[in-house]
C-alpha atoms as a PDB file:
ATOM      1  CA  MET A   1      26.353  16.855 -89.175  1.00  0.00           C
ATOM      2  CA  PHE A   2      23.315  15.257 -90.268  1.00  0.00           C
ATOM      3  CA  ASP A   3      19.971  15.696 -90.465  1.00  0.00           C
ATOM      4  CA  LYS A   4      17.359  14.923 -87.488  1.00  0.00           C
ATOM      5  CA  LYS A   5      14.278  14.964 -86.736  1.00  0.00           C
ATOM      6  CA  VAL A   6      12.834  15.650 -83.418  1.00  0.00           C
ATOM      7  CA  LEU A   7       9.904  15.133 -82.489  1.00  0.00           C
ATOM      8  CA  MET A   8       8.741  16.399 -78.288  1.00  0.00           C
ATOM      9  CA  VAL A   9       4.887  14.356 -76.809  1.00  0.00           C
ATOM     10  CA  CYS A  10       3.484  14.972 -73.467  1.00  0.00           C
ATOM     11  CA  LEU A  11       0.121  14.966 -73.130  1.00  0.00           C
ATOM     12  CA  GLY A  12      -1.816  18.411 -73.731  1.00  0.00           C
ATOM     13  CA  ASN A  13       1.218  19.973 -76.111  1.00  0.00           C
ATOM     14  CA  ILE A  14       1.128  23.584 -74.646  1.00  0.00           C
ATOM     15  CA  CYS A  15       3.354  22.536 -71.315  1.00  0.00           C
ATOM     16  CA  ARG A  16       6.337  20.798 -71.648  1.00  0.00           C
ATOM     17  CA  SER A  17       6.309  19.353 -75.703  1.00  0.00           C
ATOM     18  CA  PRO A  18       6.148  22.911 -76.101  1.00  0.00           C
ATOM     19  CA  LEU A  19       9.102  24.281 -74.860  1.00  0.00           C
ATOM     20  CA  ALA A  20      10.776  21.818 -74.674  1.00  0.00           C
ATOM     21  CA  GLN A  21      10.520  21.829 -79.125  1.00  0.00           C
ATOM     22  CA  GLY A  22      11.282  25.290 -78.632  1.00  0.00           C
ATOM     23  CA  ILE A  23      15.274  24.892 -76.441  1.00  0.00           C
ATOM     24  CA  LEU A  24      15.395  22.094 -78.774  1.00  0.00           C
ATOM     25  CA  GLU A  25      15.117  24.961 -82.054  1.00  0.00           C
ATOM     26  CA  LYS A  26      17.592  27.529 -80.305  1.00  0.00           C
ATOM     27  CA  LYS A  27      20.797  24.569 -79.438  1.00  0.00           C
ATOM     28  CA  ILE A  28      20.056  24.026 -82.866  1.00  0.00           C
ATOM     29  CA  ILE A  29      21.031  27.203 -83.874  1.00  0.00           C
ATOM     30  CA  LEU A  30      23.663  27.508 -81.616  1.00  0.00           C
ATOM     31  CA  HIS A  31      25.239  24.043 -82.231  1.00  0.00           C
ATOM     32  CA  GLY A  32      25.040  24.976 -86.407  1.00  0.00           C
ATOM     33  CA  LEU A  33      22.798  21.350 -86.784  1.00  0.00           C
ATOM     34  CA  ASN A  34      20.861  20.744 -89.672  1.00  0.00           C
ATOM     35  CA  TRP A  35      17.872  19.183 -87.065  1.00  0.00           C
ATOM     36  CA  THR A  36      14.295  20.542 -87.204  1.00  0.00           C
ATOM     37  CA  VAL A  37      11.955  19.887 -84.352  1.00  0.00           C
ATOM     38  CA  ASP A  38       8.349  19.500 -83.780  1.00  0.00           C
ATOM     39  CA  SER A  39       5.637  18.854 -81.083  1.00  0.00           C
ATOM     40  CA  ALA A  40       3.304  16.969 -80.784  1.00  0.00           C
ATOM     41  CA  GLY A  41       0.497  15.889 -77.593  1.00  0.00           C
ATOM     42  CA  THR A  42      -1.028  12.310 -76.559  1.00  0.00           C
ATOM     43  CA  GLY A  43      -3.958  13.633 -76.089  1.00  0.00           C
ATOM     44  CA  ARG A  44      -6.364  16.511 -78.820  1.00  0.00           C
ATOM     45  CA  TYR A  45      -7.020  18.566 -75.700  1.00  0.00           C
ATOM     46  CA  HIS A  46      -5.247  22.534 -76.417  1.00  0.00           C
ATOM     47  CA  VAL A  47      -5.471  21.665 -81.077  1.00  0.00           C
ATOM     48  CA  GLY A  48      -4.454  24.396 -82.604  1.00  0.00           C
ATOM     49  CA  ASN A  49      -4.418  26.169 -78.917  1.00  0.00           C
ATOM     50  CA  PRO A  50      -1.288  27.948 -78.274  1.00  0.00           C
ATOM     51  CA  PRO A  51       1.283  26.992 -75.256  1.00  0.00           C
ATOM     52  CA  ASP A  52      -0.029  28.004 -71.809  1.00  0.00           C
ATOM     53  CA  VAL A  53       1.167  31.711 -71.318  1.00  0.00           C
ATOM     54  CA  ARG A  54       3.382  30.047 -68.468  1.00  0.00           C
ATOM     55  CA  SER A  55       5.239  27.688 -70.583  1.00  0.00           C
ATOM     56  CA  ILE A  56       5.624  30.627 -73.272  1.00  0.00           C
ATOM     57  CA  ASP A  57       7.384  33.396 -70.610  1.00  0.00           C
ATOM     58  CA  LYS A  58       9.362  30.535 -68.986  1.00  0.00           C
ATOM     59  CA  ALA A  59      10.889  30.170 -72.648  1.00  0.00           C
ATOM     60  CA  ARG A  60      10.669  34.069 -73.130  1.00  0.00           C
ATOM     61  CA  GLU A  61      13.027  34.675 -69.666  1.00  0.00           C
ATOM     62  CA  TYR A  62      14.905  32.346 -71.760  1.00  0.00           C
ATOM     63  CA  GLY A  63      15.806  34.518 -75.364  1.00  0.00           C
ATOM     64  CA  ILE A  64      13.491  31.878 -76.675  1.00  0.00           C
ATOM     65  CA  ASP A  65      10.020  32.557 -78.032  1.00  0.00           C
ATOM     66  CA  ILE A  66       6.843  29.788 -78.664  1.00  0.00           C
ATOM     67  CA  THR A  67       3.900  31.716 -79.208  1.00  0.00           C
ATOM     68  CA  LYS A  68       3.992  30.692 -82.988  1.00  0.00           C
ATOM     69  CA  GLN A  69       3.786  26.530 -81.748  1.00  0.00           C
ATOM     70  CA  ARG A  70       0.038  25.354 -81.539  1.00  0.00           C
ATOM     71  CA  SER A  71      -0.736  22.137 -80.372  1.00  0.00           C
ATOM     72  CA  ARG A  72      -1.341  18.815 -82.220  1.00  0.00           C
ATOM     73  CA  GLN A  73      -2.399  15.500 -80.903  1.00  0.00           C
ATOM     74  CA  ILE A  74       0.641  12.999 -82.887  1.00  0.00           C
ATOM     75  CA  GLU A  75      -0.547  10.418 -85.251  1.00  0.00           C
ATOM     76  CA  VAL A  76       1.530   7.519 -86.835  1.00  0.00           C
ATOM     77  CA  SER A  77       2.533   9.364 -89.750  1.00  0.00           C
ATOM     78  CA  ASP A  78       4.693  11.247 -87.290  1.00  0.00           C
ATOM     79  CA  LEU A  79       6.891   7.383 -86.373  1.00  0.00           C
ATOM     80  CA  ASP A  80       7.756   7.353 -89.289  1.00  0.00           C
ATOM     81  CA  LEU A  81       8.831  10.865 -90.483  1.00  0.00           C
ATOM     82  CA  PHE A  82      10.236  11.239 -87.062  1.00  0.00           C
ATOM     83  CA  ASP A  83      14.444   9.984 -86.804  1.00  0.00           C
ATOM     84  CA  VAL A  84      14.214  10.421 -82.453  1.00  0.00           C
ATOM     85  CA  ILE A  85      10.545  11.112 -80.421  1.00  0.00           C
ATOM     86  CA  LEU A  86      11.173  12.375 -77.075  1.00  0.00           C
ATOM     87  CA  THR A  87       8.566  12.206 -74.392  1.00  0.00           C
ATOM     88  CA  MET A  88       8.403  14.248 -71.082  1.00  0.00           C
ATOM     89  CA  ASP A  89       6.579  10.460 -68.896  1.00  0.00           C
ATOM     90  CA  SER A  90       5.785   6.971 -68.770  1.00  0.00           C
ATOM     91  CA  SER A  91       2.601   7.485 -70.317  1.00  0.00           C
ATOM     92  CA  ASN A  92       3.324   9.415 -73.198  1.00  0.00           C
ATOM     93  CA  TYR A  93       5.009   6.526 -73.696  1.00  0.00           C
ATOM     94  CA  GLN A  94       2.151   4.013 -73.759  1.00  0.00           C
ATOM     95  CA  SER A  95       0.599   6.466 -76.037  1.00  0.00           C
ATOM     96  CA  VAL A  96       3.566   6.644 -78.674  1.00  0.00           C
ATOM     97  CA  MET A  97       4.568   3.034 -78.246  1.00  0.00           C
ATOM     98  CA  GLY A  98       0.862   2.243 -78.998  1.00  0.00           C
ATOM     99  CA  LEU A  99       0.722   3.873 -82.738  1.00  0.00           C
ATOM    100  CA  ALA A 100       4.455   1.903 -83.315  1.00  0.00           C
ATOM    101  CA  LYS A 101       3.932  -0.914 -86.025  1.00  0.00           C
ATOM    102  CA  ASN A 102       7.496  -2.588 -86.135  1.00  0.00           C
ATOM    103  CA  LYS A 103      10.207  -2.224 -84.618  1.00  0.00           C
ATOM    104  CA  SER A 104      11.851   0.322 -86.138  1.00  0.00           C
ATOM    105  CA  GLN A 105       9.546   2.799 -85.181  1.00  0.00           C
ATOM    106  CA  ARG A 106       9.808   1.461 -81.533  1.00  0.00           C
ATOM    107  CA  ASP A 107      13.524   2.134 -81.922  1.00  0.00           C
ATOM    108  CA  LYS A 108      12.892   5.228 -82.192  1.00  0.00           C
ATOM    109  CA  ILE A 109      10.828   6.207 -78.874  1.00  0.00           C
ATOM    110  CA  LYS A 110      12.474   7.148 -75.894  1.00  0.00           C
ATOM    111  CA  LEU A 111      11.840   9.195 -72.425  1.00  0.00           C
ATOM    112  CA  ILE A 112      13.297  12.656 -72.732  1.00  0.00           C
ATOM    113  CA  LEU A 113      14.203  12.645 -69.064  1.00  0.00           C
ATOM    114  CA  ASN A 114      17.091   8.988 -69.745  1.00  0.00           C
ATOM    115  CA  TYR A 115      19.579  11.631 -71.556  1.00  0.00           C
ATOM    116  CA  VAL A 116      20.302  13.217 -67.591  1.00  0.00           C
ATOM    117  CA  TYR A 117      18.866  10.446 -65.773  1.00  0.00           C
ATOM    118  CA  PRO A 118      20.005   6.737 -68.235  1.00  0.00           C
ATOM    119  CA  GLY A 119      17.538   3.697 -67.287  1.00  0.00           C
ATOM    120  CA  GLN A 120      15.924   6.187 -64.109  1.00  0.00           C
ATOM    121  CA  ASN A 121      12.652   6.137 -66.400  1.00  0.00           C
ATOM    122  CA  MET A 122      12.394   9.234 -64.740  1.00  0.00           C
ATOM    123  CA  ALA A 123       9.144  11.394 -65.413  1.00  0.00           C
ATOM    124  CA  VAL A 124       9.183  14.994 -66.755  1.00  0.00           C
ATOM    125  CA  PRO A 125       7.092  16.295 -63.823  1.00  0.00           C
ATOM    126  CA  ASP A 126       3.379  18.411 -65.768  1.00  0.00           C
ATOM    127  CA  PRO A 127       3.779  21.819 -64.315  1.00  0.00           C
ATOM    128  CA  TYR A 128      -0.418  22.388 -65.618  1.00  0.00           C
ATOM    129  CA  TYR A 129      -1.446  21.881 -61.965  1.00  0.00           C
ATOM    130  CA  ASP A 130       1.584  23.004 -59.944  1.00  0.00           C
ATOM    131  CA  ASP A 131       3.519  25.998 -61.461  1.00  0.00           C
ATOM    132  CA  SER A 132       7.278  23.746 -61.844  1.00  0.00           C
ATOM    133  CA  PHE A 133       7.544  25.164 -65.205  1.00  0.00           C
ATOM    134  CA  GLN A 134      11.924  26.206 -63.776  1.00  0.00           C
ATOM    135  CA  ARG A 135      12.179  22.812 -62.725  1.00  0.00           C
ATOM    136  CA  VAL A 136      10.219  21.474 -65.665  1.00  0.00           C
ATOM    137  CA  TYR A 137      13.292  23.922 -67.612  1.00  0.00           C
ATOM    138  CA  ASP A 138      16.259  22.908 -66.288  1.00  0.00           C
ATOM    139  CA  LEU A 139      14.958  18.813 -66.500  1.00  0.00           C
ATOM    140  CA  LEU A 140      14.666  19.651 -70.077  1.00  0.00           C
ATOM    141  CA  ASN A 141      17.871  21.852 -70.696  1.00  0.00           C
ATOM    142  CA  ALA A 142      20.046  19.108 -69.180  1.00  0.00           C
ATOM    143  CA  ALA A 143      17.854  16.242 -71.488  1.00  0.00           C
ATOM    144  CA  LEU A 144      18.561  17.550 -74.362  1.00  0.00           C
ATOM    145  CA  ASP A 145      22.394  19.304 -73.315  1.00  0.00           C
ATOM    146  CA  GLN A 146      22.996  15.229 -73.628  1.00  0.00           C
ATOM    147  CA  LEU A 147      21.010  14.992 -76.054  1.00  0.00           C
ATOM    148  CA  ILE A 148      23.387  16.873 -78.942  1.00  0.00           C
ATOM    149  CA  ALA A 149      26.339  15.928 -75.964  1.00  0.00           C
ATOM    150  CA  LYS A 150      25.045  11.602 -77.812  1.00  0.00           C
ATOM    151  CA  VAL A 151      24.905  13.054 -81.620  1.00  0.00           C
ATOM    152  CA  GLU A 152      28.310  14.807 -81.135  1.00  0.00           C
ATOM    153  CA  ALA A 153      30.464  12.452 -80.731  1.00  0.00           C
ATOM    154  CA  PHE A 154      29.683  10.287 -83.546  1.00  0.00           C
END
């Protein structure tokens, strides 16, 4: 299996993308993949902060520890460094696309739920305000299963 570098992106990098990073890190181990994963936010509201305690608690329910993660803002260099950049919603997608300098970079940027709902451009809801952390976990878990299945098919 070939190496892959995956970046998860949401707005503040404290709820959705840290959870997605943790879920994929666990799946990488379970599937014996030689992948690396990181997460970032399009905004810099929470730079340096740990994930939201509700994301930490939800991850812990599934045996995932995300407490060492720290929020960071996406950088232009990430578009060269990572092979796949998975965004949580259309706003994040547009923000990251705005950083892209060429077709190669643009081709890396995807909406994460298109792995489960192809072509529907659905958003992972932001649980910060409505506490929908279980729904977010379930959506991310399903999408990342499909990402791995798609890659393992090659």
